[in-house]
């Protein structure tokens, strides 16, 4: 009977640790894909998570957590419930590589000698 109690306590402790590790998950709403947002945010399913990605693509990065409420289907209550899981890190804009110039102005002209 004593070993059953130890096993039961061990199981309870394992579940407690597992749930607090899950609660510590965070999502950067400015870079996350729909699957990540769906997995981390509460009351946000696949459709709302995709709506977050679509809104970000159309309007740019979120400047505050409250701005997430501008996404259709997400209200301020959902934002408040998830506040500890929301991060706002921004990504640097992608820079295109500059190709070498092939215009005639870039080429040196020969100097005529007398």
PDB file of N, CA and C in Angstrom:
ATOM      1  N   UNK A   1       0.827  -1.200   0.000  1.00  0.00           N
ATOM      2  CA  UNK A   1       0.000   0.000   0.000  1.00  0.00           C
ATOM      3  C   UNK A   1       0.865   1.255   0.000  1.00  0.00           C
ATOM      4  N   UNK A   2       1.989   1.196   0.714  1.00  0.00           N
ATOM      5  CA  UNK A   2       2.871   2.354   0.791  1.00  0.00           C
ATOM      6  C   UNK A   2       3.483   2.659  -0.576  1.00  0.00           C
ATOM      7  N   UNK A   3       3.849   1.630  -1.336  1.00  0.00           N
ATOM      8  CA  UNK A   3       4.429   1.850  -2.659  1.00  0.00           C
ATOM      9  C   UNK A   3       3.385   2.411  -3.630  1.00  0.00           C
ATOM     10  N   UNK A   4       2.106   2.042  -3.447  1.00  0.00           N
ATOM     11  CA  UNK A   4       1.047   2.610  -4.277  1.00  0.00           C
ATOM     12  C   UNK A   4       0.931   4.117  -4.043  1.00  0.00           C
ATOM     13  N   UNK A   5       1.041   4.546  -2.793  1.00  0.00           N
ATOM     14  CA  UNK A   5       0.968   5.969  -2.458  1.00  0.00           C
ATOM     15  C   UNK A   5       2.147   6.723  -3.066  1.00  0.00           C
ATOM     16  N   UNK A   6       3.319   6.118  -3.055  1.00  0.00           N
ATOM     17  CA  UNK A   6       4.508   6.763  -3.639  1.00  0.00           C
ATOM     18  C   UNK A   6       4.338   6.904  -5.149  1.00  0.00           C
ATOM     19  N   UNK A   7       3.831   5.863  -5.780  1.00  0.00           N
ATOM     20  CA  UNK A   7       3.604   5.916  -7.228  1.00  0.00           C
ATOM     21  C   UNK A   7       2.574   6.988  -7.565  1.00  0.00           C
ATOM     22  N   UNK A   8       1.513   7.054  -6.776  1.00  0.00           N
ATOM     23  CA  UNK A   8       0.468   8.048  -6.999  1.00  0.00           C
ATOM     24  C   UNK A   8       1.014   9.463  -6.830  1.00  0.00           C
ATOM     25  N   UNK A   9       1.818   9.700  -5.820  1.00  0.00           N
ATOM     26  CA  UNK A   9       2.417  11.024  -5.612  1.00  0.00           C
ATOM     27  C   UNK A   9       3.384  11.374  -6.737  1.00  0.00           C
ATOM     28  N   UNK A  10       4.155  10.386  -7.186  1.00  0.00           N
ATOM     29  CA  UNK A  10       5.083  10.617  -8.297  1.00  0.00           C
ATOM     30  C   UNK A  10       4.335  10.995  -9.567  1.00  0.00           C
ATOM     31  N   UNK A  11       3.231  10.310  -9.819  1.00  0.00           N
ATOM     32  CA  UNK A  11       2.417  10.602 -10.983  1.00  0.00           C
ATOM     33  C   UNK A  11       1.830  12.014 -10.900  1.00  0.00           C
ATOM     34  N   UNK A  12       1.325  12.378  -9.740  1.00  0.00           N
ATOM     35  CA  UNK A  12       0.755  13.716  -9.556  1.00  0.00           C
ATOM     36  C   UNK A  12       1.820  14.791  -9.760  1.00  0.00           C
ATOM     37  N   UNK A  13       3.018  14.570  -9.230  1.00  0.00           N
ATOM     38  CA  UNK A  13       4.106  15.532  -9.396  1.00  0.00           C
ATOM     39  C   UNK A  13       4.510  15.641 -10.862  1.00  0.00           C
ATOM     40  N   UNK A  14       4.563  14.528 -11.568  1.00  0.00           N
ATOM     41  CA  UNK A  14       4.902  14.537 -12.997  1.00  0.00           C
ATOM     42  C   UNK A  14       3.882  15.337 -13.797  1.00  0.00           C
ATOM     43  N   UNK A  15       2.605  15.136 -13.509  1.00  0.00           N
ATOM     44  CA  UNK A  15       1.561  15.884 -14.208  1.00  0.00           C
ATOM     45  C   UNK A  15       1.646  17.369 -13.907  1.00  0.00           C
ATOM     46  N   UNK A  16       1.939  17.717 -12.685  1.00  0.00           N
ATOM     47  CA  UNK A  16       2.067  19.116 -12.304  1.00  0.00           C
ATOM     48  C   UNK A  16       3.222  19.773 -13.044  1.00  0.00           C
ATOM     49  N   UNK A  17       4.356  19.098 -13.097  1.00  0.00           N
ATOM     50  CA  UNK A  17       5.511  19.645 -13.797  1.00  0.00           C
ATOM     51  C   UNK A  17       5.252  19.753 -15.291  1.00  0.00           C
ATOM     52  N   UNK A  18       4.584  18.800 -15.868  1.00  0.00           N
ATOM     53  CA  UNK A  18       4.297  18.821 -17.300  1.00  0.00           C
ATOM     54  C   UNK A  18       3.355  19.964 -17.647  1.00  0.00           C
ATOM     55  N   UNK A  19       2.358  20.198 -16.822  1.00  0.00           N
ATOM     56  CA  UNK A  19       1.409  21.272 -17.121  1.00  0.00           C
ATOM     57  C   UNK A  19       2.042  22.637 -16.943  1.00  0.00           C
ATOM     58  N   UNK A  20       2.950  22.819 -15.978  1.00  0.00           N
ATOM     59  CA  UNK A  20       3.587  24.123 -15.827  1.00  0.00           C
ATOM     60  C   UNK A  20       4.597  24.369 -16.932  1.00  0.00           C
ATOM     61  N   UNK A  21       5.189  23.323 -17.486  1.00  0.00           N
ATOM     62  CA  UNK A  21       6.092  23.504 -18.619  1.00  0.00           C
ATOM     63  C   UNK A  21       5.299  23.947 -19.834  1.00  0.00           C
ATOM     64  N   UNK A  22       4.103  23.388 -20.003  1.00  0.00           N
ATOM     65  CA  UNK A  22       3.261  23.790 -21.128  1.00  0.00           C
ATOM     66  C   UNK A  22       2.786  25.225 -20.963  1.00  0.00           C
ATOM     67  N   UNK A  23       2.464  25.636 -19.755  1.00  0.00           N
ATOM     68  CA  UNK A  23       1.993  26.995 -19.508  1.00  0.00           C
ATOM     69  C   UNK A  23       3.087  28.016 -19.767  1.00  0.00           C
ATOM     70  N   UNK A  24       4.343  27.602 -19.710  1.00  0.00           N
ATOM     71  CA  UNK A  24       5.445  28.528 -19.932  1.00  0.00           C
ATOM     72  C   UNK A  24       5.700  28.778 -21.414  1.00  0.00           C
ATOM     73  N   UNK A  25       5.038  28.027 -22.311  1.00  0.00           N
ATOM     74  CA  UNK A  25       5.217  28.230 -23.745  1.00  0.00           C
ATOM     75  C   UNK A  25       4.785  29.633 -24.130  1.00  0.00           C
ATOM     76  N   UNK A  26       5.558  30.219 -25.035  1.00  0.00           N
ATOM     77  CA  UNK A  26       5.230  31.551 -25.540  1.00  0.00           C
ATOM     78  C   UNK A  26       5.238  31.501 -27.048  1.00  0.00           C
ATOM     79  N   UNK A  27       4.557  32.458 -27.650  1.00  0.00           N
ATOM     80  CA  UNK A  27       4.514  32.538 -29.108  1.00  0.00           C
ATOM     81  C   UNK A  27       4.760  33.990 -29.524  1.00  0.00           C
ATOM     82  N   UNK A  28       5.645  34.151 -30.484  1.00  0.00           N
ATOM     83  CA  UNK A  28       5.895  35.465 -31.060  1.00  0.00           C
ATOM     84  C   UNK A  28       4.862  35.654 -32.165  1.00  0.00           C
ATOM     85  N   UNK A  29       3.876  36.491 -31.933  1.00  0.00           N
ATOM     86  CA  UNK A  29       2.784  36.640 -32.890  1.00  0.00           C
ATOM     87  C   UNK A  29       3.226  37.364 -34.161  1.00  0.00           C
ATOM     88  N   UNK A  30       4.422  37.909 -34.168  1.00  0.00           N
ATOM     89  CA  UNK A  30       4.926  38.569 -35.370  1.00  0.00           C
ATOM     90  C   UNK A  30       5.726  37.640 -36.275  1.00  0.00           C
ATOM     91  N   UNK A  31       6.037  36.438 -35.798  1.00  0.00           N
ATOM     92  CA  UNK A  31       6.815  35.515 -36.630  1.00  0.00           C
ATOM     93  C   UNK A  31       6.232  34.109 -36.683  1.00  0.00           C
ATOM     94  N   UNK A  32       5.347  33.765 -35.775  1.00  0.00           N
ATOM     95  CA  UNK A  32       4.849  32.388 -35.666  1.00  0.00           C
ATOM     96  C   UNK A  32       3.955  32.011 -36.838  1.00  0.00           C
ATOM     97  N   UNK A  33       4.011  30.731 -37.189  1.00  0.00           N
ATOM     98  CA  UNK A  33       3.088  30.217 -38.187  1.00  0.00           C
ATOM     99  C   UNK A  33       1.772  29.854 -37.486  1.00  0.00           C
ATOM    100  N   UNK A  34       0.775  29.502 -38.277  1.00  0.00           N
ATOM    101  CA  UNK A  34      -0.553  29.217 -37.725  1.00  0.00           C
ATOM    102  C   UNK A  34      -0.538  28.030 -36.770  1.00  0.00           C
ATOM    103  N   UNK A  35       0.235  27.002 -37.082  1.00  0.00           N
ATOM    104  CA  UNK A  35       0.269  25.805 -36.230  1.00  0.00           C
ATOM    105  C   UNK A  35       0.819  26.124 -34.846  1.00  0.00           C
ATOM    106  N   UNK A  36       1.846  26.957 -34.783  1.00  0.00           N
ATOM    107  CA  UNK A  36       2.437  27.325 -33.491  1.00  0.00           C
ATOM    108  C   UNK A  36       1.458  28.157 -32.674  1.00  0.00           C
ATOM    109  N   UNK A  37       0.816  29.133 -33.301  1.00  0.00           N
ATOM    110  CA  UNK A  37      -0.162  29.965 -32.588  1.00  0.00           C
ATOM    111  C   UNK A  37      -1.314  29.117 -32.076  1.00  0.00           C
ATOM    112  N   UNK A  38      -1.767  28.167 -32.887  1.00  0.00           N
ATOM    113  CA  UNK A  38      -2.846  27.271 -32.493  1.00  0.00           C
ATOM    114  C   UNK A  38      -2.447  26.431 -31.289  1.00  0.00           C
ATOM    115  N   UNK A  39      -1.202  25.949 -31.279  1.00  0.00           N
ATOM    116  CA  UNK A  39      -0.742  25.064 -30.204  1.00  0.00           C
ATOM    117  C   UNK A  39      -0.535  25.801 -28.882  1.00  0.00           C
ATOM    118  N   UNK A  40      -0.119  27.059 -28.932  1.00  0.00           N
ATOM    119  CA  UNK A  40       0.262  27.772 -27.710  1.00  0.00           C
ATOM    120  C   UNK A  40      -0.870  28.625 -27.140  1.00  0.00           C
ATOM    121  N   UNK A  41      -1.610  29.298 -27.980  1.00  0.00           N
ATOM    122  CA  UNK A  41      -2.630  30.229 -27.493  1.00  0.00           C
ATOM    123  C   UNK A  41      -3.930  29.504 -27.151  1.00  0.00           C
ATOM    124  N   UNK A  42      -4.509  29.869 -26.010  1.00  0.00           N
ATOM    125  CA  UNK A  42      -5.789  29.313 -25.595  1.00  0.00           C
ATOM    126  C   UNK A  42      -6.930  29.992 -26.322  1.00  0.00           C
ATOM    127  N   UNK A  43      -8.007  29.268 -26.583  1.00  0.00           N
ATOM    128  CA  UNK A  43      -9.192  29.763 -27.290  1.00  0.00           C
ATOM    129  C   UNK A  43      -8.873  30.214 -28.713  1.00  0.00           C
ATOM    130  N   UNK A  44      -7.778  29.709 -29.274  1.00  0.00           N
ATOM    131  CA  UNK A  44      -7.414  30.011 -30.651  1.00  0.00           C
ATOM    132  C   UNK A  44      -7.219  28.682 -31.362  1.00  0.00           C
ATOM    133  N   UNK A  45      -8.121  28.398 -32.283  1.00  0.00           N
ATOM    134  CA  UNK A  45      -8.018  27.168 -33.055  1.00  0.00           C
ATOM    135  C   UNK A  45      -7.303  27.418 -34.371  1.00  0.00           C
ATOM    136  N   UNK A  46      -7.308  26.433 -35.246  1.00  0.00           N
ATOM    137  CA  UNK A  46      -6.598  26.562 -36.522  1.00  0.00           C
ATOM    138  C   UNK A  46      -7.079  27.733 -37.390  1.00  0.00           C
ATOM    139  N   UNK A  47      -8.387  27.976 -37.427  1.00  0.00           N
ATOM    140  CA  UNK A  47      -8.918  29.053 -38.267  1.00  0.00           C
ATOM    141  C   UNK A  47      -8.495  30.432 -37.747  1.00  0.00           C
ATOM    142  N   UNK A  48      -8.588  30.630 -36.434  1.00  0.00           N
ATOM    143  CA  UNK A  48      -8.181  31.920 -35.853  1.00  0.00           C
ATOM    144  C   UNK A  48      -6.667  32.104 -35.954  1.00  0.00           C
ATOM    145  N   UNK A  49      -5.927  31.024 -35.801  1.00  0.00           N
ATOM    146  CA  UNK A  49      -4.474  31.115 -35.921  1.00  0.00           C
ATOM    147  C   UNK A  49      -4.083  31.523 -37.338  1.00  0.00           C
ATOM    148  N   UNK A  50      -4.767  30.974 -38.331  1.00  0.00           N
ATOM    149  CA  UNK A  50      -4.493  31.364 -39.718  1.00  0.00           C
ATOM    150  C   UNK A  50      -4.911  32.810 -39.953  1.00  0.00           C
ATOM    151  N   UNK A  51      -5.993  33.240 -39.300  1.00  0.00           N
ATOM    152  CA  UNK A  51      -6.426  34.635 -39.422  1.00  0.00           C
ATOM    153  C   UNK A  51      -5.372  35.591 -38.860  1.00  0.00           C
ATOM    154  N   UNK A  52      -4.666  35.177 -37.802  1.00  0.00           N
ATOM    155  CA  UNK A  52      -3.581  35.999 -37.242  1.00  0.00           C
ATOM    156  C   UNK A  52      -2.479  36.164 -38.280  1.00  0.00           C
ATOM    157  N   UNK A  53      -2.090  35.070 -38.912  1.00  0.00           N
ATOM    158  CA  UNK A  53      -1.030  35.117 -39.933  1.00  0.00           C
ATOM    159  C   UNK A  53      -1.460  35.984 -41.113  1.00  0.00           C
ATOM    160  N   UNK A  54      -2.698  35.807 -41.573  1.00  0.00           N
ATOM    161  CA  UNK A  54      -3.210  36.587 -42.700  1.00  0.00           C
ATOM    162  C   UNK A  54      -3.265  38.079 -42.374  1.00  0.00           C
ATOM    163  N   UNK A  55      -3.721  38.406 -41.163  1.00  0.00           N
ATOM    164  CA  UNK A  55      -3.797  39.810 -40.745  1.00  0.00           C
ATOM    165  C   UNK A  55      -2.400  40.424 -40.718  1.00  0.00           C
ATOM    166  N   UNK A  56      -1.440  39.686 -40.189  1.00  0.00           N
ATOM    167  CA  UNK A  56      -0.060  40.179 -40.107  1.00  0.00           C
ATOM    168  C   UNK A  56       0.512  40.423 -41.497  1.00  0.00           C
ATOM    169  N   UNK A  57       0.236  39.522 -42.429  1.00  0.00           N
ATOM    170  CA  UNK A  57       0.730  39.698 -43.800  1.00  0.00           C
ATOM    171  C   UNK A  57       0.109  40.918 -44.467  1.00  0.00           C
ATOM    172  N   UNK A  58      -1.157  41.175 -44.185  1.00  0.00           N
ATOM    173  CA  UNK A  58      -1.862  42.295 -44.806  1.00  0.00           C
ATOM    174  C   UNK A  58      -1.558  43.642 -44.149  1.00  0.00           C
ATOM    175  N   UNK A  59      -1.289  43.638 -42.829  1.00  0.00           N
ATOM    176  CA  UNK A  59      -1.179  44.897 -42.091  1.00  0.00           C
ATOM    177  C   UNK A  59       0.174  45.148 -41.443  1.00  0.00           C
ATOM    178  N   UNK A  60       1.081  44.223 -41.535  1.00  0.00           N
ATOM    179  CA  UNK A  60       2.383  44.389 -40.894  1.00  0.00           C
ATOM    180  C   UNK A  60       2.383  43.823 -39.482  1.00  0.00           C
ATOM    181  N   UNK A  61       3.508  43.999 -38.811  1.00  0.00           N
ATOM    182  CA  UNK A  61       3.684  43.407 -37.486  1.00  0.00           C
ATOM    183  C   UNK A  61       2.764  44.039 -36.449  1.00  0.00           C
ATOM    184  N   UNK A  62       2.469  43.263 -35.417  1.00  0.00           N
ATOM    185  CA  UNK A  62       1.674  43.754 -34.298  1.00  0.00           C
ATOM    186  C   UNK A  62       2.575  44.602 -33.413  1.00  0.00           C
ATOM    187  N   UNK A  63       2.114  45.765 -33.017  1.00  0.00           N
ATOM    188  CA  UNK A  63       2.897  46.660 -32.160  1.00  0.00           C
ATOM    189  C   UNK A  63       2.571  46.476 -30.687  1.00  0.00           C
ATOM    190  N   UNK A  64       1.420  45.843 -30.411  1.00  0.00           N
ATOM    191  CA  UNK A  64       1.028  45.556 -29.028  1.00  0.00           C
ATOM    192  C   UNK A  64       0.171  44.299 -29.021  1.00  0.00           C
ATOM    193  N   UNK A  65       0.051  43.699 -27.855  1.00  0.00           N
ATOM    194  CA  UNK A  65      -0.779  42.507 -27.730  1.00  0.00           C
ATOM    195  C   UNK A  65      -2.243  42.850 -28.003  1.00  0.00           C
ATOM    196  N   UNK A  66      -2.667  44.036 -27.607  1.00  0.00           N
ATOM    197  CA  UNK A  66      -4.058  44.449 -27.802  1.00  0.00           C
ATOM    198  C   UNK A  66      -4.429  44.505 -29.279  1.00  0.00           C
ATOM    199  N   UNK A  67      -3.439  44.777 -30.132  1.00  0.00           N
ATOM    200  CA  UNK A  67      -3.691  44.841 -31.569  1.00  0.00           C
ATOM    201  C   UNK A  67      -4.165  43.501 -32.118  1.00  0.00           C
ATOM    202  N   UNK A  68      -3.880  42.443 -31.404  1.00  0.00           N
ATOM    203  CA  UNK A  68      -4.325  41.112 -31.800  1.00  0.00           C
ATOM    204  C   UNK A  68      -5.860  41.044 -31.841  1.00  0.00           C
ATOM    205  N   UNK A  69      -6.518  41.885 -31.064  1.00  0.00           N
ATOM    206  CA  UNK A  69      -7.983  41.916 -31.040  1.00  0.00           C
ATOM    207  C   UNK A  69      -8.562  42.481 -32.342  1.00  0.00           C
ATOM    208  N   UNK A  70      -7.728  43.037 -33.202  1.00  0.00           N
ATOM    209  CA  UNK A  70      -8.183  43.533 -34.505  1.00  0.00           C
ATOM    210  C   UNK A  70      -8.436  42.371 -35.477  1.00  0.00           C
ATOM    211  N   UNK A  71      -7.910  41.204 -35.145  1.00  0.00           N
ATOM    212  CA  UNK A  71      -8.098  40.021 -35.985  1.00  0.00           C
ATOM    213  C   UNK A  71      -9.523  39.509 -35.784  1.00  0.00           C
ATOM    214  N   UNK A  72     -10.203  39.228 -36.883  1.00  0.00           N
ATOM    215  CA  UNK A  72     -11.582  38.750 -36.802  1.00  0.00           C
ATOM    216  C   UNK A  72     -11.646  37.455 -36.002  1.00  0.00           C
ATOM    217  N   UNK A  73     -12.527  37.429 -35.002  1.00  0.00           N
ATOM    218  CA  UNK A  73     -12.718  36.238 -34.185  1.00  0.00           C
ATOM    219  C   UNK A  73     -11.919  36.243 -32.891  1.00  0.00           C
ATOM    220  N   UNK A  74     -11.062  37.234 -32.714  1.00  0.00           N
ATOM    221  CA  UNK A  74     -10.264  37.315 -31.482  1.00  0.00           C
ATOM    222  C   UNK A  74     -10.637  38.602 -30.762  1.00  0.00           C
ATOM    223  N   UNK A  75     -11.062  38.454 -29.521  1.00  0.00           N
ATOM    224  CA  UNK A  75     -11.464  39.615 -28.743  1.00  0.00           C
ATOM    225  C   UNK A  75     -10.460  39.934 -27.646  1.00  0.00           C
ATOM    226  N   UNK A  76     -10.724  41.023 -26.942  1.00  0.00           N
ATOM    227  CA  UNK A  76      -9.828  41.439 -25.863  1.00  0.00           C
ATOM    228  C   UNK A  76      -9.756  40.411 -24.736  1.00  0.00           C
ATOM    229  N   UNK A  77     -10.851  39.670 -24.503  1.00  0.00           N
ATOM    230  CA  UNK A  77     -10.826  38.640 -23.457  1.00  0.00           C
ATOM    231  C   UNK A  77      -9.822  37.543 -23.806  1.00  0.00           C
ATOM    232  N   UNK A  78      -9.790  37.160 -25.063  1.00  0.00           N
ATOM    233  CA  UNK A  78      -8.824  36.144 -25.503  1.00  0.00           C
ATOM    234  C   UNK A  78      -7.405  36.674 -25.372  1.00  0.00           C
ATOM    235  N   UNK A  79      -7.212  37.934 -25.712  1.00  0.00           N
ATOM    236  CA  UNK A  79      -5.879  38.543 -25.581  1.00  0.00           C
ATOM    237  C   UNK A  79      -5.456  38.545 -24.117  1.00  0.00           C
ATOM    238  N   UNK A  80      -6.357  38.932 -23.215  1.00  0.00           N
ATOM    239  CA  UNK A  80      -6.031  38.974 -21.788  1.00  0.00           C
ATOM    240  C   UNK A  80      -5.717  37.590 -21.232  1.00  0.00           C
ATOM    241  N   UNK A  81      -6.470  36.587 -21.656  1.00  0.00           N
ATOM    242  CA  UNK A  81      -6.218  35.222 -21.179  1.00  0.00           C
ATOM    243  C   UNK A  81      -4.857  34.697 -21.636  1.00  0.00           C
ATOM    244  N   UNK A  82      -4.374  35.212 -22.758  1.00  0.00           N
ATOM    245  CA  UNK A  82      -3.122  34.732 -23.334  1.00  0.00           C
ATOM    246  C   UNK A  82      -1.959  35.705 -23.171  1.00  0.00           C
ATOM    247  N   UNK A  83      -2.156  36.766 -22.427  1.00  0.00           N
ATOM    248  CA  UNK A  83      -1.138  37.816 -22.335  1.00  0.00           C
ATOM    249  C   UNK A  83       0.244  37.277 -21.951  1.00  0.00           C
ATOM    250  N   UNK A  84       0.292  36.315 -21.039  1.00  0.00           N
ATOM    251  CA  UNK A  84       1.588  35.781 -20.599  1.00  0.00           C
ATOM    252  C   UNK A  84       2.229  34.867 -21.647  1.00  0.00           C
ATOM    253  N   UNK A  85       1.495  34.514 -22.674  1.00  0.00           N
ATOM    254  CA  UNK A  85       2.021  33.648 -23.736  1.00  0.00           C
ATOM    255  C   UNK A  85       2.392  34.423 -25.000  1.00  0.00           C
ATOM    256  N   UNK A  86       2.040  35.697 -25.065  1.00  0.00           N
ATOM    257  CA  UNK A  86       2.241  36.496 -26.275  1.00  0.00           C
ATOM    258  C   UNK A  86       3.558  37.253 -26.201  1.00  0.00           C
ATOM    259  N   UNK A  87       4.361  37.117 -27.250  1.00  0.00           N
ATOM    260  CA  UNK A  87       5.582  37.902 -27.404  1.00  0.00           C
ATOM    261  C   UNK A  87       5.450  38.732 -28.673  1.00  0.00           C
ATOM    262  N   UNK A  88       6.158  39.870 -28.707  1.00  0.00           N
ATOM    263  CA  UNK A  88       6.035  40.791 -29.833  1.00  0.00           C
ATOM    264  C   UNK A  88       7.351  41.038 -30.560  1.00  0.00           C
ATOM    265  N   UNK A  89       8.308  40.154 -30.447  1.00  0.00           N
ATOM    266  CA  UNK A  89       9.569  40.374 -31.147  1.00  0.00           C
ATOM    267  C   UNK A  89       9.324  40.632 -32.620  1.00  0.00           C
ATOM    268  N   UNK A  90      10.070  41.555 -33.169  1.00  0.00           N
ATOM    269  CA  UNK A  90       9.903  41.888 -34.588  1.00  0.00           C
ATOM    270  C   UNK A  90      11.041  41.286 -35.382  1.00  0.00           C
ATOM    271  N   UNK A  91      10.775  41.038 -36.625  1.00  0.00           N
ATOM    272  CA  UNK A  91      11.827  40.527 -37.498  1.00  0.00           C
ATOM    273  C   UNK A  91      12.396  41.678 -38.300  1.00  0.00           C
ATOM    274  N   UNK A  92      13.664  41.579 -38.625  1.00  0.00           N
ATOM    275  CA  UNK A  92      14.284  42.588 -39.478  1.00  0.00           C
ATOM    276  C   UNK A  92      13.768  42.392 -40.891  1.00  0.00           C
ATOM    277  N   UNK A  93      13.512  43.484 -41.608  1.00  0.00           N
ATOM    278  CA  UNK A  93      13.021  43.319 -42.969  1.00  0.00           C
ATOM    279  C   UNK A  93      14.054  42.612 -43.828  1.00  0.00           C
ATOM    280  N   UNK A  94      13.571  41.733 -44.669  1.00  0.00           N
ATOM    281  CA  UNK A  94      14.482  40.996 -45.538  1.00  0.00           C
ATOM    282  C   UNK A  94      15.102  41.941 -46.549  1.00  0.00           C
ATOM    283  N   UNK A  95      16.398  41.847 -46.695  1.00  0.00           N
ATOM    284  CA  UNK A  95      17.097  42.707 -47.649  1.00  0.00           C
ATOM    285  C   UNK A  95      17.452  41.895 -48.869  1.00  0.00           C
ATOM    286  N   UNK A  96      17.175  42.476 -50.033  1.00  0.00           N
ATOM    287  CA  UNK A  96      17.486  41.800 -51.277  1.00  0.00           C
ATOM    288  C   UNK A  96      18.951  42.049 -51.617  1.00  0.00           C
ATOM    289  N   UNK A  97      19.629  41.039 -52.125  1.00  0.00           N
ATOM    290  CA  UNK A  97      21.010  41.265 -52.520  1.00  0.00           C
ATOM    291  C   UNK A  97      21.079  42.224 -53.698  1.00  0.00           C
ATOM    292  N   UNK A  98      22.077  43.075 -53.690  1.00  0.00           N
ATOM    293  CA  UNK A  98      22.245  44.058 -54.744  1.00  0.00           C
ATOM    294  C   UNK A  98      23.129  43.452 -55.824  1.00  0.00           C
ATOM    295  N   UNK A  99      22.600  43.421 -57.049  1.00  0.00           N
ATOM    296  CA  UNK A  99      23.362  42.877 -58.171  1.00  0.00           C
ATOM    297  C   UNK A  99      24.347  43.923 -58.669  1.00  0.00           C
ATOM    298  N   UNK A 100      25.510  43.518 -59.153  1.00  0.00           N
ATOM    299  CA  UNK A 100      26.458  44.491 -59.685  1.00  0.00           C
ATOM    300  C   UNK A 100      25.857  45.212 -60.875  1.00  0.00           C
ATOM    301  N   UNK A 101      26.147  46.476 -60.974  1.00  0.00           N
ATOM    302  CA  UNK A 101      25.591  47.301 -62.041  1.00  0.00           C
ATOM    303  C   UNK A 101      26.275  46.984 -63.366  1.00  0.00           C
ATOM    304  N   UNK A 102      25.465  46.891 -64.415  1.00  0.00           N
ATOM    305  CA  UNK A 102      26.017  46.615 -65.745  1.00  0.00           C
ATOM    306  C   UNK A 102      25.761  47.766 -66.705  1.00  0.00           C
ATOM    307  N   UNK A 103      25.454  48.926 -66.173  1.00  0.00           N
ATOM    308  CA  UNK A 103      25.189  50.071 -67.029  1.00  0.00           C
ATOM    309  C   UNK A 103      26.491  50.626 -67.578  1.00  0.00           C
ATOM    310  N   UNK A 104      26.389  51.396 -68.628  1.00  0.00           N
ATOM    311  CA  UNK A 104      27.584  51.963 -69.258  1.00  0.00           C
ATOM    312  C   UNK A 104      28.260  52.992 -68.360  1.00  0.00           C
ATOM    313  N   UNK A 105      27.493  53.600 -67.475  1.00  0.00           N
ATOM    314  CA  UNK A 105      28.083  54.583 -66.567  1.00  0.00           C
ATOM    315  C   UNK A 105      29.046  53.913 -65.602  1.00  0.00           C
ATOM    316  N   UNK A 106      28.824  52.662 -65.327  1.00  0.00           N
ATOM    317  CA  UNK A 106      29.687  51.960 -64.383  1.00  0.00           C
ATOM    318  C   UNK A 106      30.980  51.479 -65.038  1.00  0.00           C
ATOM    319  N   UNK A 107      31.003  51.396 -66.375  1.00  0.00           N
ATOM    320  CA  UNK A 107      32.198  50.935 -67.063  1.00  0.00           C
ATOM    321  C   UNK A 107      33.154  52.092 -67.307  1.00  0.00           C
ATOM    322  N   UNK A 108      34.430  51.830 -67.192  1.00  0.00           N
ATOM    323  CA  UNK A 108      35.427  52.866 -67.442  1.00  0.00           C
ATOM    324  C   UNK A 108      35.609  53.043 -68.941  1.00  0.00           C
ATOM    325  N   UNK A 109      35.702  54.309 -69.363  1.00  0.00           N
ATOM    326  CA  UNK A 109      35.914  54.595 -70.775  1.00  0.00           C
ATOM    327  C   UNK A 109      37.408  54.769 -71.015  1.00  0.00           C
ATOM    328  N   UNK A 110      37.894  54.271 -72.136  1.00  0.00           N
ATOM    329  CA  UNK A 110      39.314  54.444 -72.428  1.00  0.00           C
ATOM    330  C   UNK A 110      39.653  55.919 -72.665  1.00  0.00           C
ATOM    331  N   UNK A 111      40.835  56.311 -72.257  1.00  0.00           N
ATOM    332  CA  UNK A 111      41.293  57.688 -72.417  1.00  0.00           C
ATOM    333  C   UNK A 111      42.061  57.780 -73.747  1.00  0.00           C
ATOM    334  N   UNK A 112      41.699  58.755 -74.583  1.00  0.00           N
ATOM    335  CA  UNK A 112      42.383  58.915 -75.866  1.00  0.00           C
ATOM    336  C   UNK A 112      43.720  59.590 -75.664  1.00  0.00           C
ATOM    337  N   UNK A 113      44.787  59.113 -76.315  1.00  0.00           N
ATOM    338  CA  UNK A 113      46.123  59.714 -76.211  1.00  0.00           C
ATOM    339  C   UNK A 113      46.408  60.537 -77.442  1.00  0.00           C
ATOM    340  N   UNK A 114      47.185  61.579 -77.300  1.00  0.00           N
ATOM    341  CA  UNK A 114      47.532  62.434 -78.433  1.00  0.00           C
ATOM    342  C   UNK A 114      48.882  62.161 -78.918  1.00  0.00           C
TER     343      UNK A 114
END
